[in-house]
Protein backbone atom coordinates (compact mmCIF):
# COMPACT_ATOMS: atom_id res chain seq x y z
CA MET A 1 0.00 0.00 0.00
CA GLN A 2 1.36 3.40 -0.99
CA PRO A 3 0.35 6.79 0.45
CA ILE A 4 -0.31 9.36 -2.27
CA PRO A 5 0.04 12.79 -0.62
CA GLN A 6 0.82 14.47 -3.96
CA LEU A 7 -2.60 13.54 -5.35
CA TRP A 8 -4.47 15.07 -2.41
CA SER A 9 -2.36 18.24 -2.49
CA ILE A 10 -2.93 18.69 -6.22
CA LEU A 11 -6.71 18.46 -5.73
CA GLU A 12 -6.58 21.45 -3.39
CA GLN A 13 -4.34 23.38 -5.81
CA SER A 14 -6.56 22.92 -8.88
CA PRO A 15 -9.19 25.67 -9.09
CA GLY A 16 -12.40 24.32 -10.55
CA LEU A 17 -10.85 20.85 -10.87
CA SER A 18 -10.60 21.43 -14.65
CA ASN A 19 -7.65 21.38 -17.05
CA ILE A 20 -6.35 19.90 -20.27
CA MET A 21 -4.92 16.39 -19.97
CA PRO A 22 -1.24 17.38 -20.61
CA GLU A 23 -1.50 19.81 -17.69
CA TRP A 24 -3.13 17.18 -15.46
CA GLN A 25 -0.27 14.83 -16.33
CA ARG A 26 2.31 17.50 -15.50
CA ARG A 27 0.72 18.31 -12.16
CA LEU A 28 -0.01 14.79 -11.00
CA ASP A 29 3.29 13.41 -12.25
CA THR A 30 3.71 9.88 -10.81
CA THR A 31 0.18 9.85 -9.36
CA PHE A 32 -1.47 10.45 -12.71
CA GLU A 33 -2.13 6.71 -13.07
CA VAL A 34 -4.10 6.78 -9.81
CA ALA A 35 -6.56 9.37 -11.09
CA ARG A 36 -6.53 8.86 -14.87
CA HIS A 37 -9.97 7.20 -14.87
CA TRP A 38 -11.55 10.09 -12.97
CA PHE A 39 -11.37 12.59 -15.82
CA ARG A 40 -14.37 13.52 -17.95
CA PRO A 41 -13.99 15.48 -21.23
CA THR A 42 -15.97 18.68 -21.65
CA ASN A 43 -16.87 20.81 -24.67
CA ARG A 44 -14.43 23.52 -23.53
CA ARG A 45 -10.96 24.14 -24.92
CA GLY A 46 -7.87 25.24 -23.04
CA THR A 47 -6.06 28.50 -23.81
CA THR A 48 -2.64 27.54 -22.44
CA PHE A 49 -0.33 24.56 -22.81
CA PRO A 50 2.52 23.43 -20.51
CA CYS A 51 5.93 24.41 -21.88
CA GLN A 52 8.05 21.44 -22.92
CA SER A 53 11.44 23.16 -22.64
CA PRO A 54 13.90 21.82 -20.04
CA GLY A 55 13.68 23.80 -16.83
CA ALA A 56 10.37 25.43 -17.78
CA ASN A 57 9.25 25.03 -14.17
CA GLY A 58 5.53 25.49 -14.70
CA CYS A 59 5.78 27.97 -17.56
CA HIS A 60 2.86 27.91 -20.01
CA MET A 61 2.61 28.62 -23.70
CA ARG A 62 -0.32 30.34 -25.40
CA VAL A 63 -2.67 28.26 -27.55
CA VAL A 64 -3.43 29.74 -30.97
CA GLU A 65 -6.18 28.14 -33.07
CA HIS A 66 -5.74 29.07 -36.73
CA SER A 67 -8.21 26.35 -37.68
CA ASN A 68 -9.35 23.01 -36.29
CA ASP A 69 -6.47 21.36 -38.17
CA ASN A 70 -3.93 24.04 -37.34
CA ILE A 71 -3.55 24.54 -33.61
CA VAL A 72 -0.21 25.60 -32.10
CA ALA A 73 1.25 26.49 -28.72
CA VAL A 74 3.55 29.52 -28.84
CA CYS A 75 5.90 31.06 -26.28
CA ASN A 76 4.51 34.00 -24.30
CA ASP A 77 7.84 35.83 -24.06
CA GLU A 78 8.50 38.86 -26.21
CA ASP A 79 11.70 37.18 -27.38
CA PRO A 80 10.50 33.63 -27.77
CA TYR A 81 13.10 30.99 -27.18
CA CYS A 82 10.76 27.96 -27.19
CA ASP A 83 9.82 26.30 -30.42
CA ARG A 84 6.13 26.33 -31.25
CA ILE A 85 4.33 23.03 -30.71
CA GLN A 86 1.83 21.63 -33.17
CA LEU A 87 -1.27 20.42 -31.29
CA SER A 88 -4.32 18.34 -32.11
CA PRO A 89 -7.87 19.25 -31.01
CA ALA A 90 -7.68 16.44 -28.43
CA ASP A 91 -4.63 18.10 -26.80
CA ILE A 92 -6.61 21.15 -25.71
CA ILE A 93 -9.91 19.60 -24.63
CA VAL A 94 -10.56 20.55 -21.00
CA HIS A 95 -11.20 17.59 -18.69
CA ASP A 96 -13.04 17.88 -15.39
CA LEU A 97 -12.06 15.72 -12.46
CA ASP A 98 -15.14 13.58 -11.82
CA LEU A 99 -15.46 13.55 -8.04
CA ARG A 100 -18.39 11.15 -8.27
CA THR A 101 -15.90 8.32 -8.83
CA LEU A 102 -13.87 9.38 -5.80
CA ALA A 103 -17.06 9.56 -3.72
CA SER A 104 -17.98 6.00 -4.70
CA ILE A 105 -14.58 4.79 -3.45
CA VAL A 106 -15.14 6.50 -0.10
CA ALA A 107 -18.56 4.83 0.05
CA GLN A 108 -16.94 1.43 -0.39
CA VAL A 109 -14.42 2.12 2.36
CA PHE A 110 -17.07 3.32 4.81
CA ASP A 111 -19.72 0.85 3.61
CA PHE A 112 -22.61 3.15 2.70
CA SER A 113 -24.70 3.62 -0.43
CA PRO A 114 -23.08 6.34 -2.54
CA GLU A 115 -24.92 9.52 -3.40
CA PHE A 116 -23.57 12.56 -5.15
CA ALA A 117 -25.19 15.97 -5.08
CA PRO A 118 -23.68 19.46 -5.00
CA VAL A 119 -24.56 21.44 -1.87
CA GLU A 120 -26.44 24.51 -3.04
CA GLY A 121 -24.53 27.73 -2.48
CA LEU A 122 -21.23 26.06 -1.51
CA TYR A 123 -18.22 25.95 -3.85
CA GLN A 124 -16.92 22.44 -4.58
CA THR A 125 -18.87 20.88 -1.72
CA PHE A 126 -20.90 17.70 -2.26
CA LEU A 127 -23.09 15.27 -0.37
CA VAL A 128 -21.55 11.83 -0.99
CA GLY A 129 -23.83 9.65 1.14
CA LYS A 130 -25.26 8.88 4.56
CA ILE A 131 -24.36 6.33 7.18
CA GLN A 132 -26.85 4.78 9.58
CA PRO A 133 -25.27 2.90 12.47
CA ILE A 134 -27.43 0.14 13.95
CA GLY A 135 -29.66 1.63 16.61
CA SER A 136 -29.16 5.21 15.49
CA ARG A 137 -30.29 7.74 12.91
CA ARG A 138 -28.65 8.64 9.61
CA PHE A 139 -25.68 11.00 9.39
CA PRO A 140 -24.60 12.74 6.15
CA ILE A 141 -21.07 12.67 4.76
CA PHE A 142 -19.86 15.63 2.70
CA LEU A 143 -16.77 16.18 0.57
CA THR A 144 -15.32 19.64 0.11
CA ILE A 145 -12.29 20.74 -1.94
CA GLN A 146 -11.00 24.11 -0.72
CA GLY A 147 -7.67 25.79 -1.34
CA ASP A 148 -7.35 27.89 1.80
CA LYS A 149 -8.54 28.16 5.40
CA ALA A 150 -10.96 31.02 4.76
CA ASN A 151 -12.93 29.05 2.16
CA MET A 152 -12.81 25.92 4.31
CA LYS A 153 -14.21 27.85 7.26
CA ASP A 154 -17.02 29.21 5.08
CA ALA A 155 -17.91 25.68 3.96
CA ALA A 156 -17.91 24.31 7.50
CA VAL A 157 -19.95 27.18 8.95
CA CYS A 158 -22.51 27.05 6.14
CA LEU A 159 -22.98 23.30 6.58
CA LEU A 160 -23.49 23.74 10.31
CA ALA A 161 -26.19 26.31 9.51
CA LYS A 162 -27.88 24.10 6.89
CA ILE A 163 -27.68 20.67 8.57
CA ASP A 164 -29.45 19.96 11.86
CA THR A 165 -27.69 16.65 12.51
CA PRO A 166 -24.02 15.74 13.06
CA PHE A 167 -22.03 15.12 9.89
CA VAL A 168 -18.62 14.13 8.52
CA LEU A 169 -16.80 16.66 6.34
CA LEU A 170 -14.16 15.06 4.10
CA SER A 171 -11.19 17.11 2.91
CA PRO A 172 -8.20 15.92 0.84
CA THR A 173 -5.61 17.13 3.39
CA GLY A 174 -5.44 19.04 6.65
CA LYS A 175 -3.74 22.03 5.04
CA SER A 176 -6.91 24.14 5.14
CA VAL A 177 -8.18 22.79 8.48
CA ASP A 178 -7.01 24.41 11.70
CA LYS A 179 -7.77 23.55 15.33
CA GLU A 180 -10.39 26.29 15.61
CA MET A 181 -12.44 24.77 12.78
CA ALA A 182 -12.01 21.23 14.08
CA ASP A 183 -13.18 22.34 17.53
CA LEU A 184 -16.14 24.16 15.98
CA LEU A 185 -17.34 20.98 14.30
CA ALA A 186 -16.66 18.92 17.43
CA ARG A 187 -18.94 21.18 19.49
CA HIS A 188 -21.73 20.16 17.10
CA LYS A 189 -20.72 16.46 17.31
CA SER A 190 -19.35 16.64 13.75
CA ARG A 191 -15.80 16.18 12.49
CA PHE A 192 -13.31 16.45 9.66
CA ILE A 193 -11.87 13.27 8.14
CA LEU A 194 -8.99 13.59 5.68
CA LEU A 195 -8.78 11.60 2.46
CA GLU A 196 -5.05 11.22 2.96
CA ASP A 197 -5.82 9.37 6.22
CA ILE A 198 -8.36 6.92 4.79
CA LEU A 199 -7.21 6.15 1.21
CA VAL A 200 -4.00 4.61 -0.15
CA TRP A 201 -2.92 3.20 -3.51
CA ASP A 202 -2.99 -0.59 -3.84
CA GLU A 203 -0.20 -1.20 -6.36
CA VAL A 204 -1.08 -4.89 -6.78
CA ASN A 205 -4.69 -4.31 -7.82
CA GLY A 206 -4.13 -0.87 -9.29
CA SER A 207 -6.86 0.82 -7.23
CA LEU A 208 -7.50 3.00 -4.21
CA THR A 209 -8.32 1.17 -1.02
CA GLY A 210 -9.00 2.01 2.61
CA THR A 211 -6.29 2.39 5.25
CA GLU A 212 -6.23 0.45 8.49
CA ALA A 213 -7.13 3.67 10.29
CA ALA A 214 -10.29 4.37 8.24
CA PRO A 215 -12.79 2.24 10.25
CA GLY A 216 -11.57 3.71 13.53
CA LEU A 217 -11.92 7.29 12.32
CA LEU A 218 -15.54 6.69 11.36
CA ALA A 219 -16.19 4.81 14.61
CA ASP A 220 -14.86 7.79 16.59
CA PHE A 221 -17.35 10.04 14.80
CA VAL A 222 -20.25 7.67 15.50
CA THR A 223 -19.34 7.48 19.20
CA GLN A 224 -19.36 11.27 19.37
CA ALA A 225 -22.46 11.82 17.22
CA ALA A 226 -24.62 8.97 18.51
CA PRO A 227 -23.94 8.31 22.22
CA GLU A 228 -27.30 6.54 22.33
CA ILE A 229 -25.62 3.53 20.72
CA THR A 230 -23.58 3.00 23.88
CA GLN A 231 -26.63 3.72 26.04
CA MET A 232 -29.12 1.41 24.38
CA GLY A 233 -30.53 0.37 27.73
CA SER A 234 -31.51 3.93 28.62
CA MET A 235 -33.92 4.46 25.71
CA GLU A 236 -35.69 2.16 23.32
CA HIS A 237 -35.88 3.01 19.64
CA PHE A 238 -38.06 1.79 16.82
CA PRO A 239 -36.19 -0.70 14.58
CA THR A 240 -36.39 1.62 11.58
CA PRO A 241 -34.81 -0.21 8.62
CA PRO A 242 -32.02 1.49 6.63
CA GLY A 243 -33.36 3.65 3.83
CA ALA A 244 -36.82 4.02 5.38
CA SER A 245 -38.57 7.40 5.39
CA TRP A 246 -41.68 8.74 7.09
CA GLU A 247 -43.72 7.85 4.02
CA HIS A 248 -43.12 4.16 4.85
CA PHE A 249 -44.91 4.45 8.21
CA THR A 250 -48.55 4.01 9.23
CA PHE A 251 -49.76 5.08 12.69
CA GLU A 252 -53.15 4.01 14.07
CA PHE A 253 -54.55 4.78 17.51
CA LEU A 254 -56.17 1.76 19.15
CA ALA A 255 -57.18 3.78 22.21
CA ASP A 256 -56.36 7.13 23.76
CA SER A 257 -53.09 5.73 25.14
CA ALA A 258 -52.29 3.01 22.62
CA LEU A 259 -50.73 3.56 19.20
CA LEU A 260 -50.04 0.82 16.65
CA VAL A 261 -47.17 1.51 14.21
CA TRP A 262 -46.35 -0.29 10.95
CA CYS A 263 -43.31 0.28 8.77
CA LYS A 264 -42.47 -1.09 5.35
CA GLY A 265 -39.77 -3.71 5.81
CA ILE A 266 -40.86 -4.63 9.34
CA GLN A 267 -43.01 -7.77 9.53
CA LYS A 268 -44.96 -7.00 12.69
CA PRO A 269 -46.41 -3.71 13.92
CA ARG A 270 -45.32 -2.33 17.28
CA GLN A 271 -47.75 -1.08 19.93
CA LEU A 272 -46.60 2.11 21.62
CA GLU A 273 -47.77 4.06 24.64
CA PRO A 274 -46.87 7.61 25.68
CA GLU A 275 -43.90 6.47 27.80
CA HIS A 276 -42.24 4.76 24.81
CA LEU A 277 -42.04 8.09 23.00
CA GLY A 278 -41.02 10.09 26.07
CA MET A 279 -44.50 11.65 26.21
CA LYS A 280 -45.49 10.69 29.75
CA ARG A 281 -45.24 13.17 32.60
CA GLN A 282 -43.21 12.10 35.60
CA ASP A 283 -45.27 14.01 38.17
CA ASN A 284 -48.73 12.54 37.50
CA GLY A 285 -48.23 9.80 34.90
CA GLN A 286 -50.47 11.56 32.37
CA ALA A 287 -49.71 11.91 28.66
CA THR A 288 -47.98 15.13 27.61
CA LYS A 289 -49.36 17.80 25.29
CA GLN A 290 -47.33 16.28 22.46
CA TRP A 291 -49.18 12.96 22.74
CA LEU A 292 -52.48 14.81 22.86
CA LEU A 293 -51.54 16.74 19.71
CA LEU A 294 -50.66 13.50 17.92
CA ARG A 295 -54.04 12.09 18.92
CA VAL A 296 -55.83 15.19 17.64
CA LEU A 297 -53.95 14.93 14.35
CA ALA A 298 -55.11 11.32 14.02
CA ARG A 299 -58.72 12.35 14.45
CA LEU A 300 -58.24 15.00 11.78
CA GLY A 301 -56.72 12.58 9.28
CA GLY A 302 -53.14 13.79 9.83
CA ARG A 303 -53.75 17.41 8.86
CA LEU A 304 -54.30 20.40 11.12
CA THR A 305 -55.08 23.80 9.61
CA TRP A 306 -55.48 27.09 11.42
CA LYS A 307 -59.21 26.68 10.83
CA ASP A 308 -59.01 23.95 13.48
CA GLY A 309 -57.29 26.12 16.09
CA ASP A 310 -55.50 29.41 16.69
CA ALA A 311 -51.91 29.71 15.49
CA SER A 312 -50.49 30.54 18.89
CA LYS A 313 -46.81 30.25 19.80
CA LYS A 314 -47.62 27.67 22.47
CA PHE A 315 -49.34 25.46 19.90
CA LYS A 316 -46.36 25.70 17.55
CA ASP A 317 -44.03 24.79 20.42
CA HIS A 318 -46.04 21.60 21.03
CA LYS A 319 -45.79 20.73 17.35
CA TYR A 320 -42.01 21.22 17.22
CA SER A 321 -41.59 19.21 20.42
CA LEU A 322 -43.73 16.42 18.96
CA SER A 323 -41.61 16.35 15.79
CA LYS A 324 -38.43 16.20 17.86
CA LYS A 325 -39.73 13.28 19.95
CA LEU A 326 -40.74 11.35 16.84
CA ARG A 327 -37.39 11.95 15.12
CA GLU A 328 -35.53 10.72 18.20
CA TYR A 329 -37.59 7.57 18.66
CA PHE A 330 -37.78 6.55 15.00
CA LEU A 331 -34.18 7.63 14.20
CA LEU A 332 -35.13 9.76 11.19
CA ASP A 333 -33.80 13.23 10.42
CA GLU A 334 -36.64 14.70 8.36
CA ASP A 335 -39.49 16.65 9.92
CA PRO A 336 -42.41 14.18 10.23
CA ILE A 337 -45.03 16.96 10.34
CA PRO A 338 -43.94 19.76 7.99
CA TRP A 339 -45.77 23.01 7.42
CA LYS A 340 -47.62 23.14 4.09
CA ARG A 341 -47.41 26.78 3.10
CA ARG A 342 -50.08 26.74 0.40
CA GLU A 343 -52.58 24.84 2.52
CA HIS A 344 -51.74 26.78 5.71
CA ALA A 345 -51.58 23.50 7.55
CA PHE A 346 -49.35 21.04 9.35
CA GLU A 347 -49.58 17.63 7.67
CA THR A 348 -48.02 14.30 8.65
CA ARG A 349 -45.74 12.63 6.13
CA PHE A 350 -46.83 9.26 7.52
CA ILE A 351 -50.34 7.80 7.37
CA LEU A 352 -52.16 8.62 10.60
CA ARG A 353 -55.52 7.01 11.36
CA GLN A 354 -58.13 7.58 13.99
CA TYR A 355 -59.51 4.63 15.90
CA ARG A 356 -63.06 5.96 16.19
CA PRO A 357 -65.18 8.82 14.81
CA GLN A 358 -64.87 12.04 16.74
CA ARG A 359 -67.33 14.90 17.01
CA ALA A 360 -66.15 18.35 16.00
CA ASP A 361 -66.93 19.69 19.48
CA ASP A 362 -64.72 17.05 21.08
CA ILE A 363 -61.83 17.84 18.75
CA GLN A 364 -62.13 21.55 19.51
CA GLN A 365 -62.15 20.81 23.23
CA GLU A 366 -58.89 18.90 22.91
CA LEU A 367 -57.37 21.67 20.80
CA ASP A 368 -58.34 24.18 23.46
CA SER A 369 -56.64 22.06 26.09
CA LEU A 370 -53.35 22.44 24.20
CA GLU A 371 -53.49 26.15 24.96
CA GLU A 372 -53.79 25.65 28.70
């Protein structure tokens, strides 16, 4: 196994991750073979070409296109001392580094299903997948390629503002990561993991593979982000299968204090009571306002508009608390009861059924009790 620090450094020194292939070869040097399958041709053409003269030391020649069959690279100096180079159209085609391939390798090392999506508003920052440890919720993994500490800080801070769950932020090297940024992520139970620490070149198989340290680095993050895994006896969770979402769930009240829950992928439903969801008061043993709100939602078919009650701050607080309790118990990150702006209503993403017909007066009475 061979460390490849030059590859990771070059990634951070390549603005836009785009260049013509001769320039990629010059920059990557001996590590070009590692990344040669990551490049994707574009419809753009380069305007410079690496000088071939001995001792050029990064000097570039200017590309002049007389016609598609007559393309040359000429010296930029006023007194040119380099011979012009005849080029083909293929020599100046710009190739982007396809980070999707790199993301899929990371997914193999960390054993999660690869995803790849740019993070809106963040330069060269991508969601590459999510991990879901047994007995815990899902945590996103991001990859960012930044050339300096200021841009890295912007990426980290913006992700902390966007994401309401702990996450891993992958970076090629630690050059742009300082202790202040690492501590900032740690306070939010998130962390940086460096590609140079988790990937090496397998010369025998001609491929990137994980280091011995990689599993431990991810395990350290999980321990920090999901302490409930080491405290399984203190709180029970629903056995939500990997990949499940709220749309896979059906809730049905059997009685005022009994809820039956089905989930796609789980053979048998589970019967829940207020205490299972942390919705039982310790002082008198009664169900909390959050359980009452869930019951009201069931009797309204899972949708509560402001026609059904006043939009008071106290009511909204109960709704947000209910969503938090459900996310914690079912180990899902998404809001189970989002606000539908056009309908002016809260609506459950899961199917929610009532166990018996309910008169409008009774529903209003229970809604009023939420304001007490």
